[in-house]
Amino acid sequence: MRWKERRDALEAEVEGAGDDAPRKLRFRQFAGPGLDRVTRIQATRSARRRAMLRSFAILLVLLYAAWRGLLWVETTDFAREYLLPPGP
């Protein structure tokens, strides 16, 4: 019996029978009457710029790690044993 009561209460809440005021839906973080299109465009541009800088920083870290790995392979016996063909 409790399940039926819970289901009925949930359906009543979803249908809006609990209160008469309409629900407000917000899809944007900066939505509001004081913010206009220009503000949203500027926020999007700055977020895009930060994402590009973050991607560039990750690229630099990965390139540095690859470069250090190549230096390590060339300076250790690993290169002579596994990568270079045996000499005459």
C-alpha atoms as a PDB file:
ATOM      1  CA  MET A   1       0.000   0.000   0.000  1.00  0.00           C
ATOM      2  CA  ARG A   2       2.861   2.365   0.687  1.00  0.00           C
ATOM      3  CA  TRP A   3       4.174   2.042  -2.867  1.00  0.00           C
ATOM      4  CA  LYS A   4       0.852   3.139  -4.298  1.00  0.00           C
ATOM      5  CA  GLU A   5       0.748   6.151  -1.974  1.00  0.00           C
ATOM      6  CA  ARG A   6       4.297   7.119  -2.890  1.00  0.00           C
ATOM      7  CA  ARG A   7       3.578   6.767  -6.585  1.00  0.00           C
ATOM      8  CA  ASP A   8       0.432   8.871  -6.293  1.00  0.00           C
ATOM      9  CA  ALA A   9       2.287  11.566  -4.346  1.00  0.00           C
ATOM     10  CA  LEU A  10       5.102  11.611  -6.899  1.00  0.00           C
ATOM     11  CA  GLU A  11       2.701  11.801  -9.831  1.00  0.00           C
ATOM     12  CA  ALA A  12       0.815  14.633  -8.145  1.00  0.00           C
ATOM     13  CA  GLU A  13       4.083  16.511  -7.621  1.00  0.00           C
ATOM     14  CA  VAL A  14       5.185  15.976 -11.203  1.00  0.00           C
ATOM     15  CA  GLU A  15       1.844  17.119 -12.585  1.00  0.00           C
ATOM     16  CA  GLY A  16       2.027  20.263 -10.449  1.00  0.00           C
ATOM     17  CA  ALA A  17      -0.955  19.509  -8.238  1.00  0.00           C
ATOM     18  CA  GLY A  18       1.112  20.365  -5.146  1.00  0.00           C
ATOM     19  CA  ASP A  19       1.324  24.081  -5.869  1.00  0.00           C
ATOM     20  CA  ASP A  20      -0.316  26.351  -8.379  1.00  0.00           C
ATOM     21  CA  ALA A  21       2.785  28.334  -9.370  1.00  0.00           C
ATOM     22  CA  PRO A  22       4.496  27.333 -12.621  1.00  0.00           C
ATOM     23  CA  ARG A  23       8.009  25.990 -12.395  1.00  0.00           C
ATOM     24  CA  LYS A  24      10.923  28.009 -13.657  1.00  0.00           C
ATOM     25  CA  LEU A  25      13.320  26.174 -15.945  1.00  0.00           C
ATOM     26  CA  ARG A  26      16.887  27.410 -16.202  1.00  0.00           C
ATOM     27  CA  PHE A  27      19.178  26.086 -18.872  1.00  0.00           C
ATOM     28  CA  ARG A  28      22.080  28.499 -18.558  1.00  0.00           C
ATOM     29  CA  GLN A  29      24.233  29.346 -15.609  1.00  0.00           C
ATOM     30  CA  PHE A  30      24.089  33.072 -16.281  1.00  0.00           C
ATOM     31  CA  ALA A  31      20.410  33.249 -17.228  1.00  0.00           C
ATOM     32  CA  GLY A  32      18.487  36.159 -15.862  1.00  0.00           C
ATOM     33  CA  PRO A  33      16.780  39.377 -16.784  1.00  0.00           C
ATOM     34  CA  GLY A  34      19.916  41.499 -16.304  1.00  0.00           C
ATOM     35  CA  LEU A  35      22.127  39.507 -18.656  1.00  0.00           C
ATOM     36  CA  ASP A  36      21.858  40.027 -22.347  1.00  0.00           C
ATOM     37  CA  ARG A  37      23.165  38.361 -25.459  1.00  0.00           C
ATOM     38  CA  VAL A  38      26.465  40.268 -25.472  1.00  0.00           C
ATOM     39  CA  THR A  39      27.309  39.100 -21.960  1.00  0.00           C
ATOM     40  CA  ARG A  40      26.601  35.481 -22.880  1.00  0.00           C
ATOM     41  CA  ILE A  41      28.740  35.770 -26.008  1.00  0.00           C
ATOM     42  CA  GLN A  42      31.628  37.216 -23.987  1.00  0.00           C
ATOM     43  CA  ALA A  43      31.309  34.426 -21.430  1.00  0.00           C
ATOM     44  CA  THR A  44      31.359  31.843 -24.207  1.00  0.00           C
ATOM     45  CA  ARG A  45      34.427  33.422 -25.787  1.00  0.00           C
ATOM     46  CA  SER A  46      36.358  33.492 -22.528  1.00  0.00           C
ATOM     47  CA  ALA A  47      35.410  29.880 -21.779  1.00  0.00           C
ATOM     48  CA  ARG A  48      36.537  28.884 -25.269  1.00  0.00           C
ATOM     49  CA  ARG A  49      39.829  30.742 -24.802  1.00  0.00           C
ATOM     50  CA  ARG A  50      40.465  29.023 -21.463  1.00  0.00           C
ATOM     51  CA  ALA A  51      39.741  25.627 -23.032  1.00  0.00           C
ATOM     52  CA  MET A  52      42.220  26.316 -25.842  1.00  0.00           C
ATOM     53  CA  LEU A  53      44.911  27.397 -23.380  1.00  0.00           C
ATOM     54  CA  ARG A  54      44.284  24.305 -21.279  1.00  0.00           C
ATOM     55  CA  SER A  55      44.590  22.107 -24.379  1.00  0.00           C
ATOM     56  CA  PHE A  56      47.809  23.855 -25.363  1.00  0.00           C
ATOM     57  CA  ALA A  57      49.260  23.335 -21.873  1.00  0.00           C
ATOM     58  CA  ILE A  58      48.416  19.627 -22.017  1.00  0.00           C
ATOM     59  CA  LEU A  59      50.039  19.427 -25.463  1.00  0.00           C
ATOM     60  CA  LEU A  60      53.221  21.042 -24.135  1.00  0.00           C
ATOM     61  CA  VAL A  61      53.396  18.613 -21.219  1.00  0.00           C
ATOM     62  CA  LEU A  62      52.940  15.617 -23.529  1.00  0.00           C
ATOM     63  CA  LEU A  63      55.556  16.896 -25.983  1.00  0.00           C
ATOM     64  CA  TYR A  64      58.025  17.455 -23.146  1.00  0.00           C
ATOM     65  CA  ALA A  65      57.393  13.941 -21.818  1.00  0.00           C
ATOM     66  CA  ALA A  66      57.918  12.455 -25.298  1.00  0.00           C
ATOM     67  CA  TRP A  67      61.124  14.448 -25.774  1.00  0.00           C
ATOM     68  CA  ARG A  68      62.486  13.343 -22.388  1.00  0.00           C
ATOM     69  CA  GLY A  69      61.542   9.752 -23.238  1.00  0.00           C
ATOM     70  CA  LEU A  70      63.469   9.943 -26.509  1.00  0.00           C
ATOM     71  CA  LEU A  71      66.499  11.366 -24.734  1.00  0.00           C
ATOM     72  CA  TRP A  72      66.321   8.560 -22.183  1.00  0.00           C
ATOM     73  CA  VAL A  73      66.076   5.898 -24.874  1.00  0.00           C
ATOM     74  CA  GLU A  74      69.052   7.343 -26.761  1.00  0.00           C
ATOM     75  CA  THR A  75      71.287   7.647 -23.703  1.00  0.00           C
ATOM     76  CA  THR A  76      70.649   4.252 -22.116  1.00  0.00           C
ATOM     77  CA  ASP A  77      71.501   0.729 -23.152  1.00  0.00           C
ATOM     78  CA  PHE A  78      67.869   0.198 -24.106  1.00  0.00           C
ATOM     79  CA  ALA A  79      68.522   1.810 -27.496  1.00  0.00           C
ATOM     80  CA  ARG A  80      71.619  -0.270 -28.179  1.00  0.00           C
ATOM     81  CA  GLU A  81      70.009  -3.551 -27.157  1.00  0.00           C
ATOM     82  CA  TYR A  82      66.540  -3.280 -28.677  1.00  0.00           C
ATOM     83  CA  LEU A  83      66.286  -0.460 -31.194  1.00  0.00           C
ATOM     84  CA  LEU A  84      69.561  -0.288 -33.110  1.00  0.00           C
ATOM     85  CA  PRO A  85      70.509  -3.095 -35.462  1.00  0.00           C
ATOM     86  CA  PRO A  86      73.620  -5.004 -34.503  1.00  0.00           C
ATOM     87  CA  GLY A  87      76.785  -3.616 -36.057  1.00  0.00           C
ATOM     88  CA  PRO A  88      79.230  -5.625 -38.167  1.00  0.00           C
END
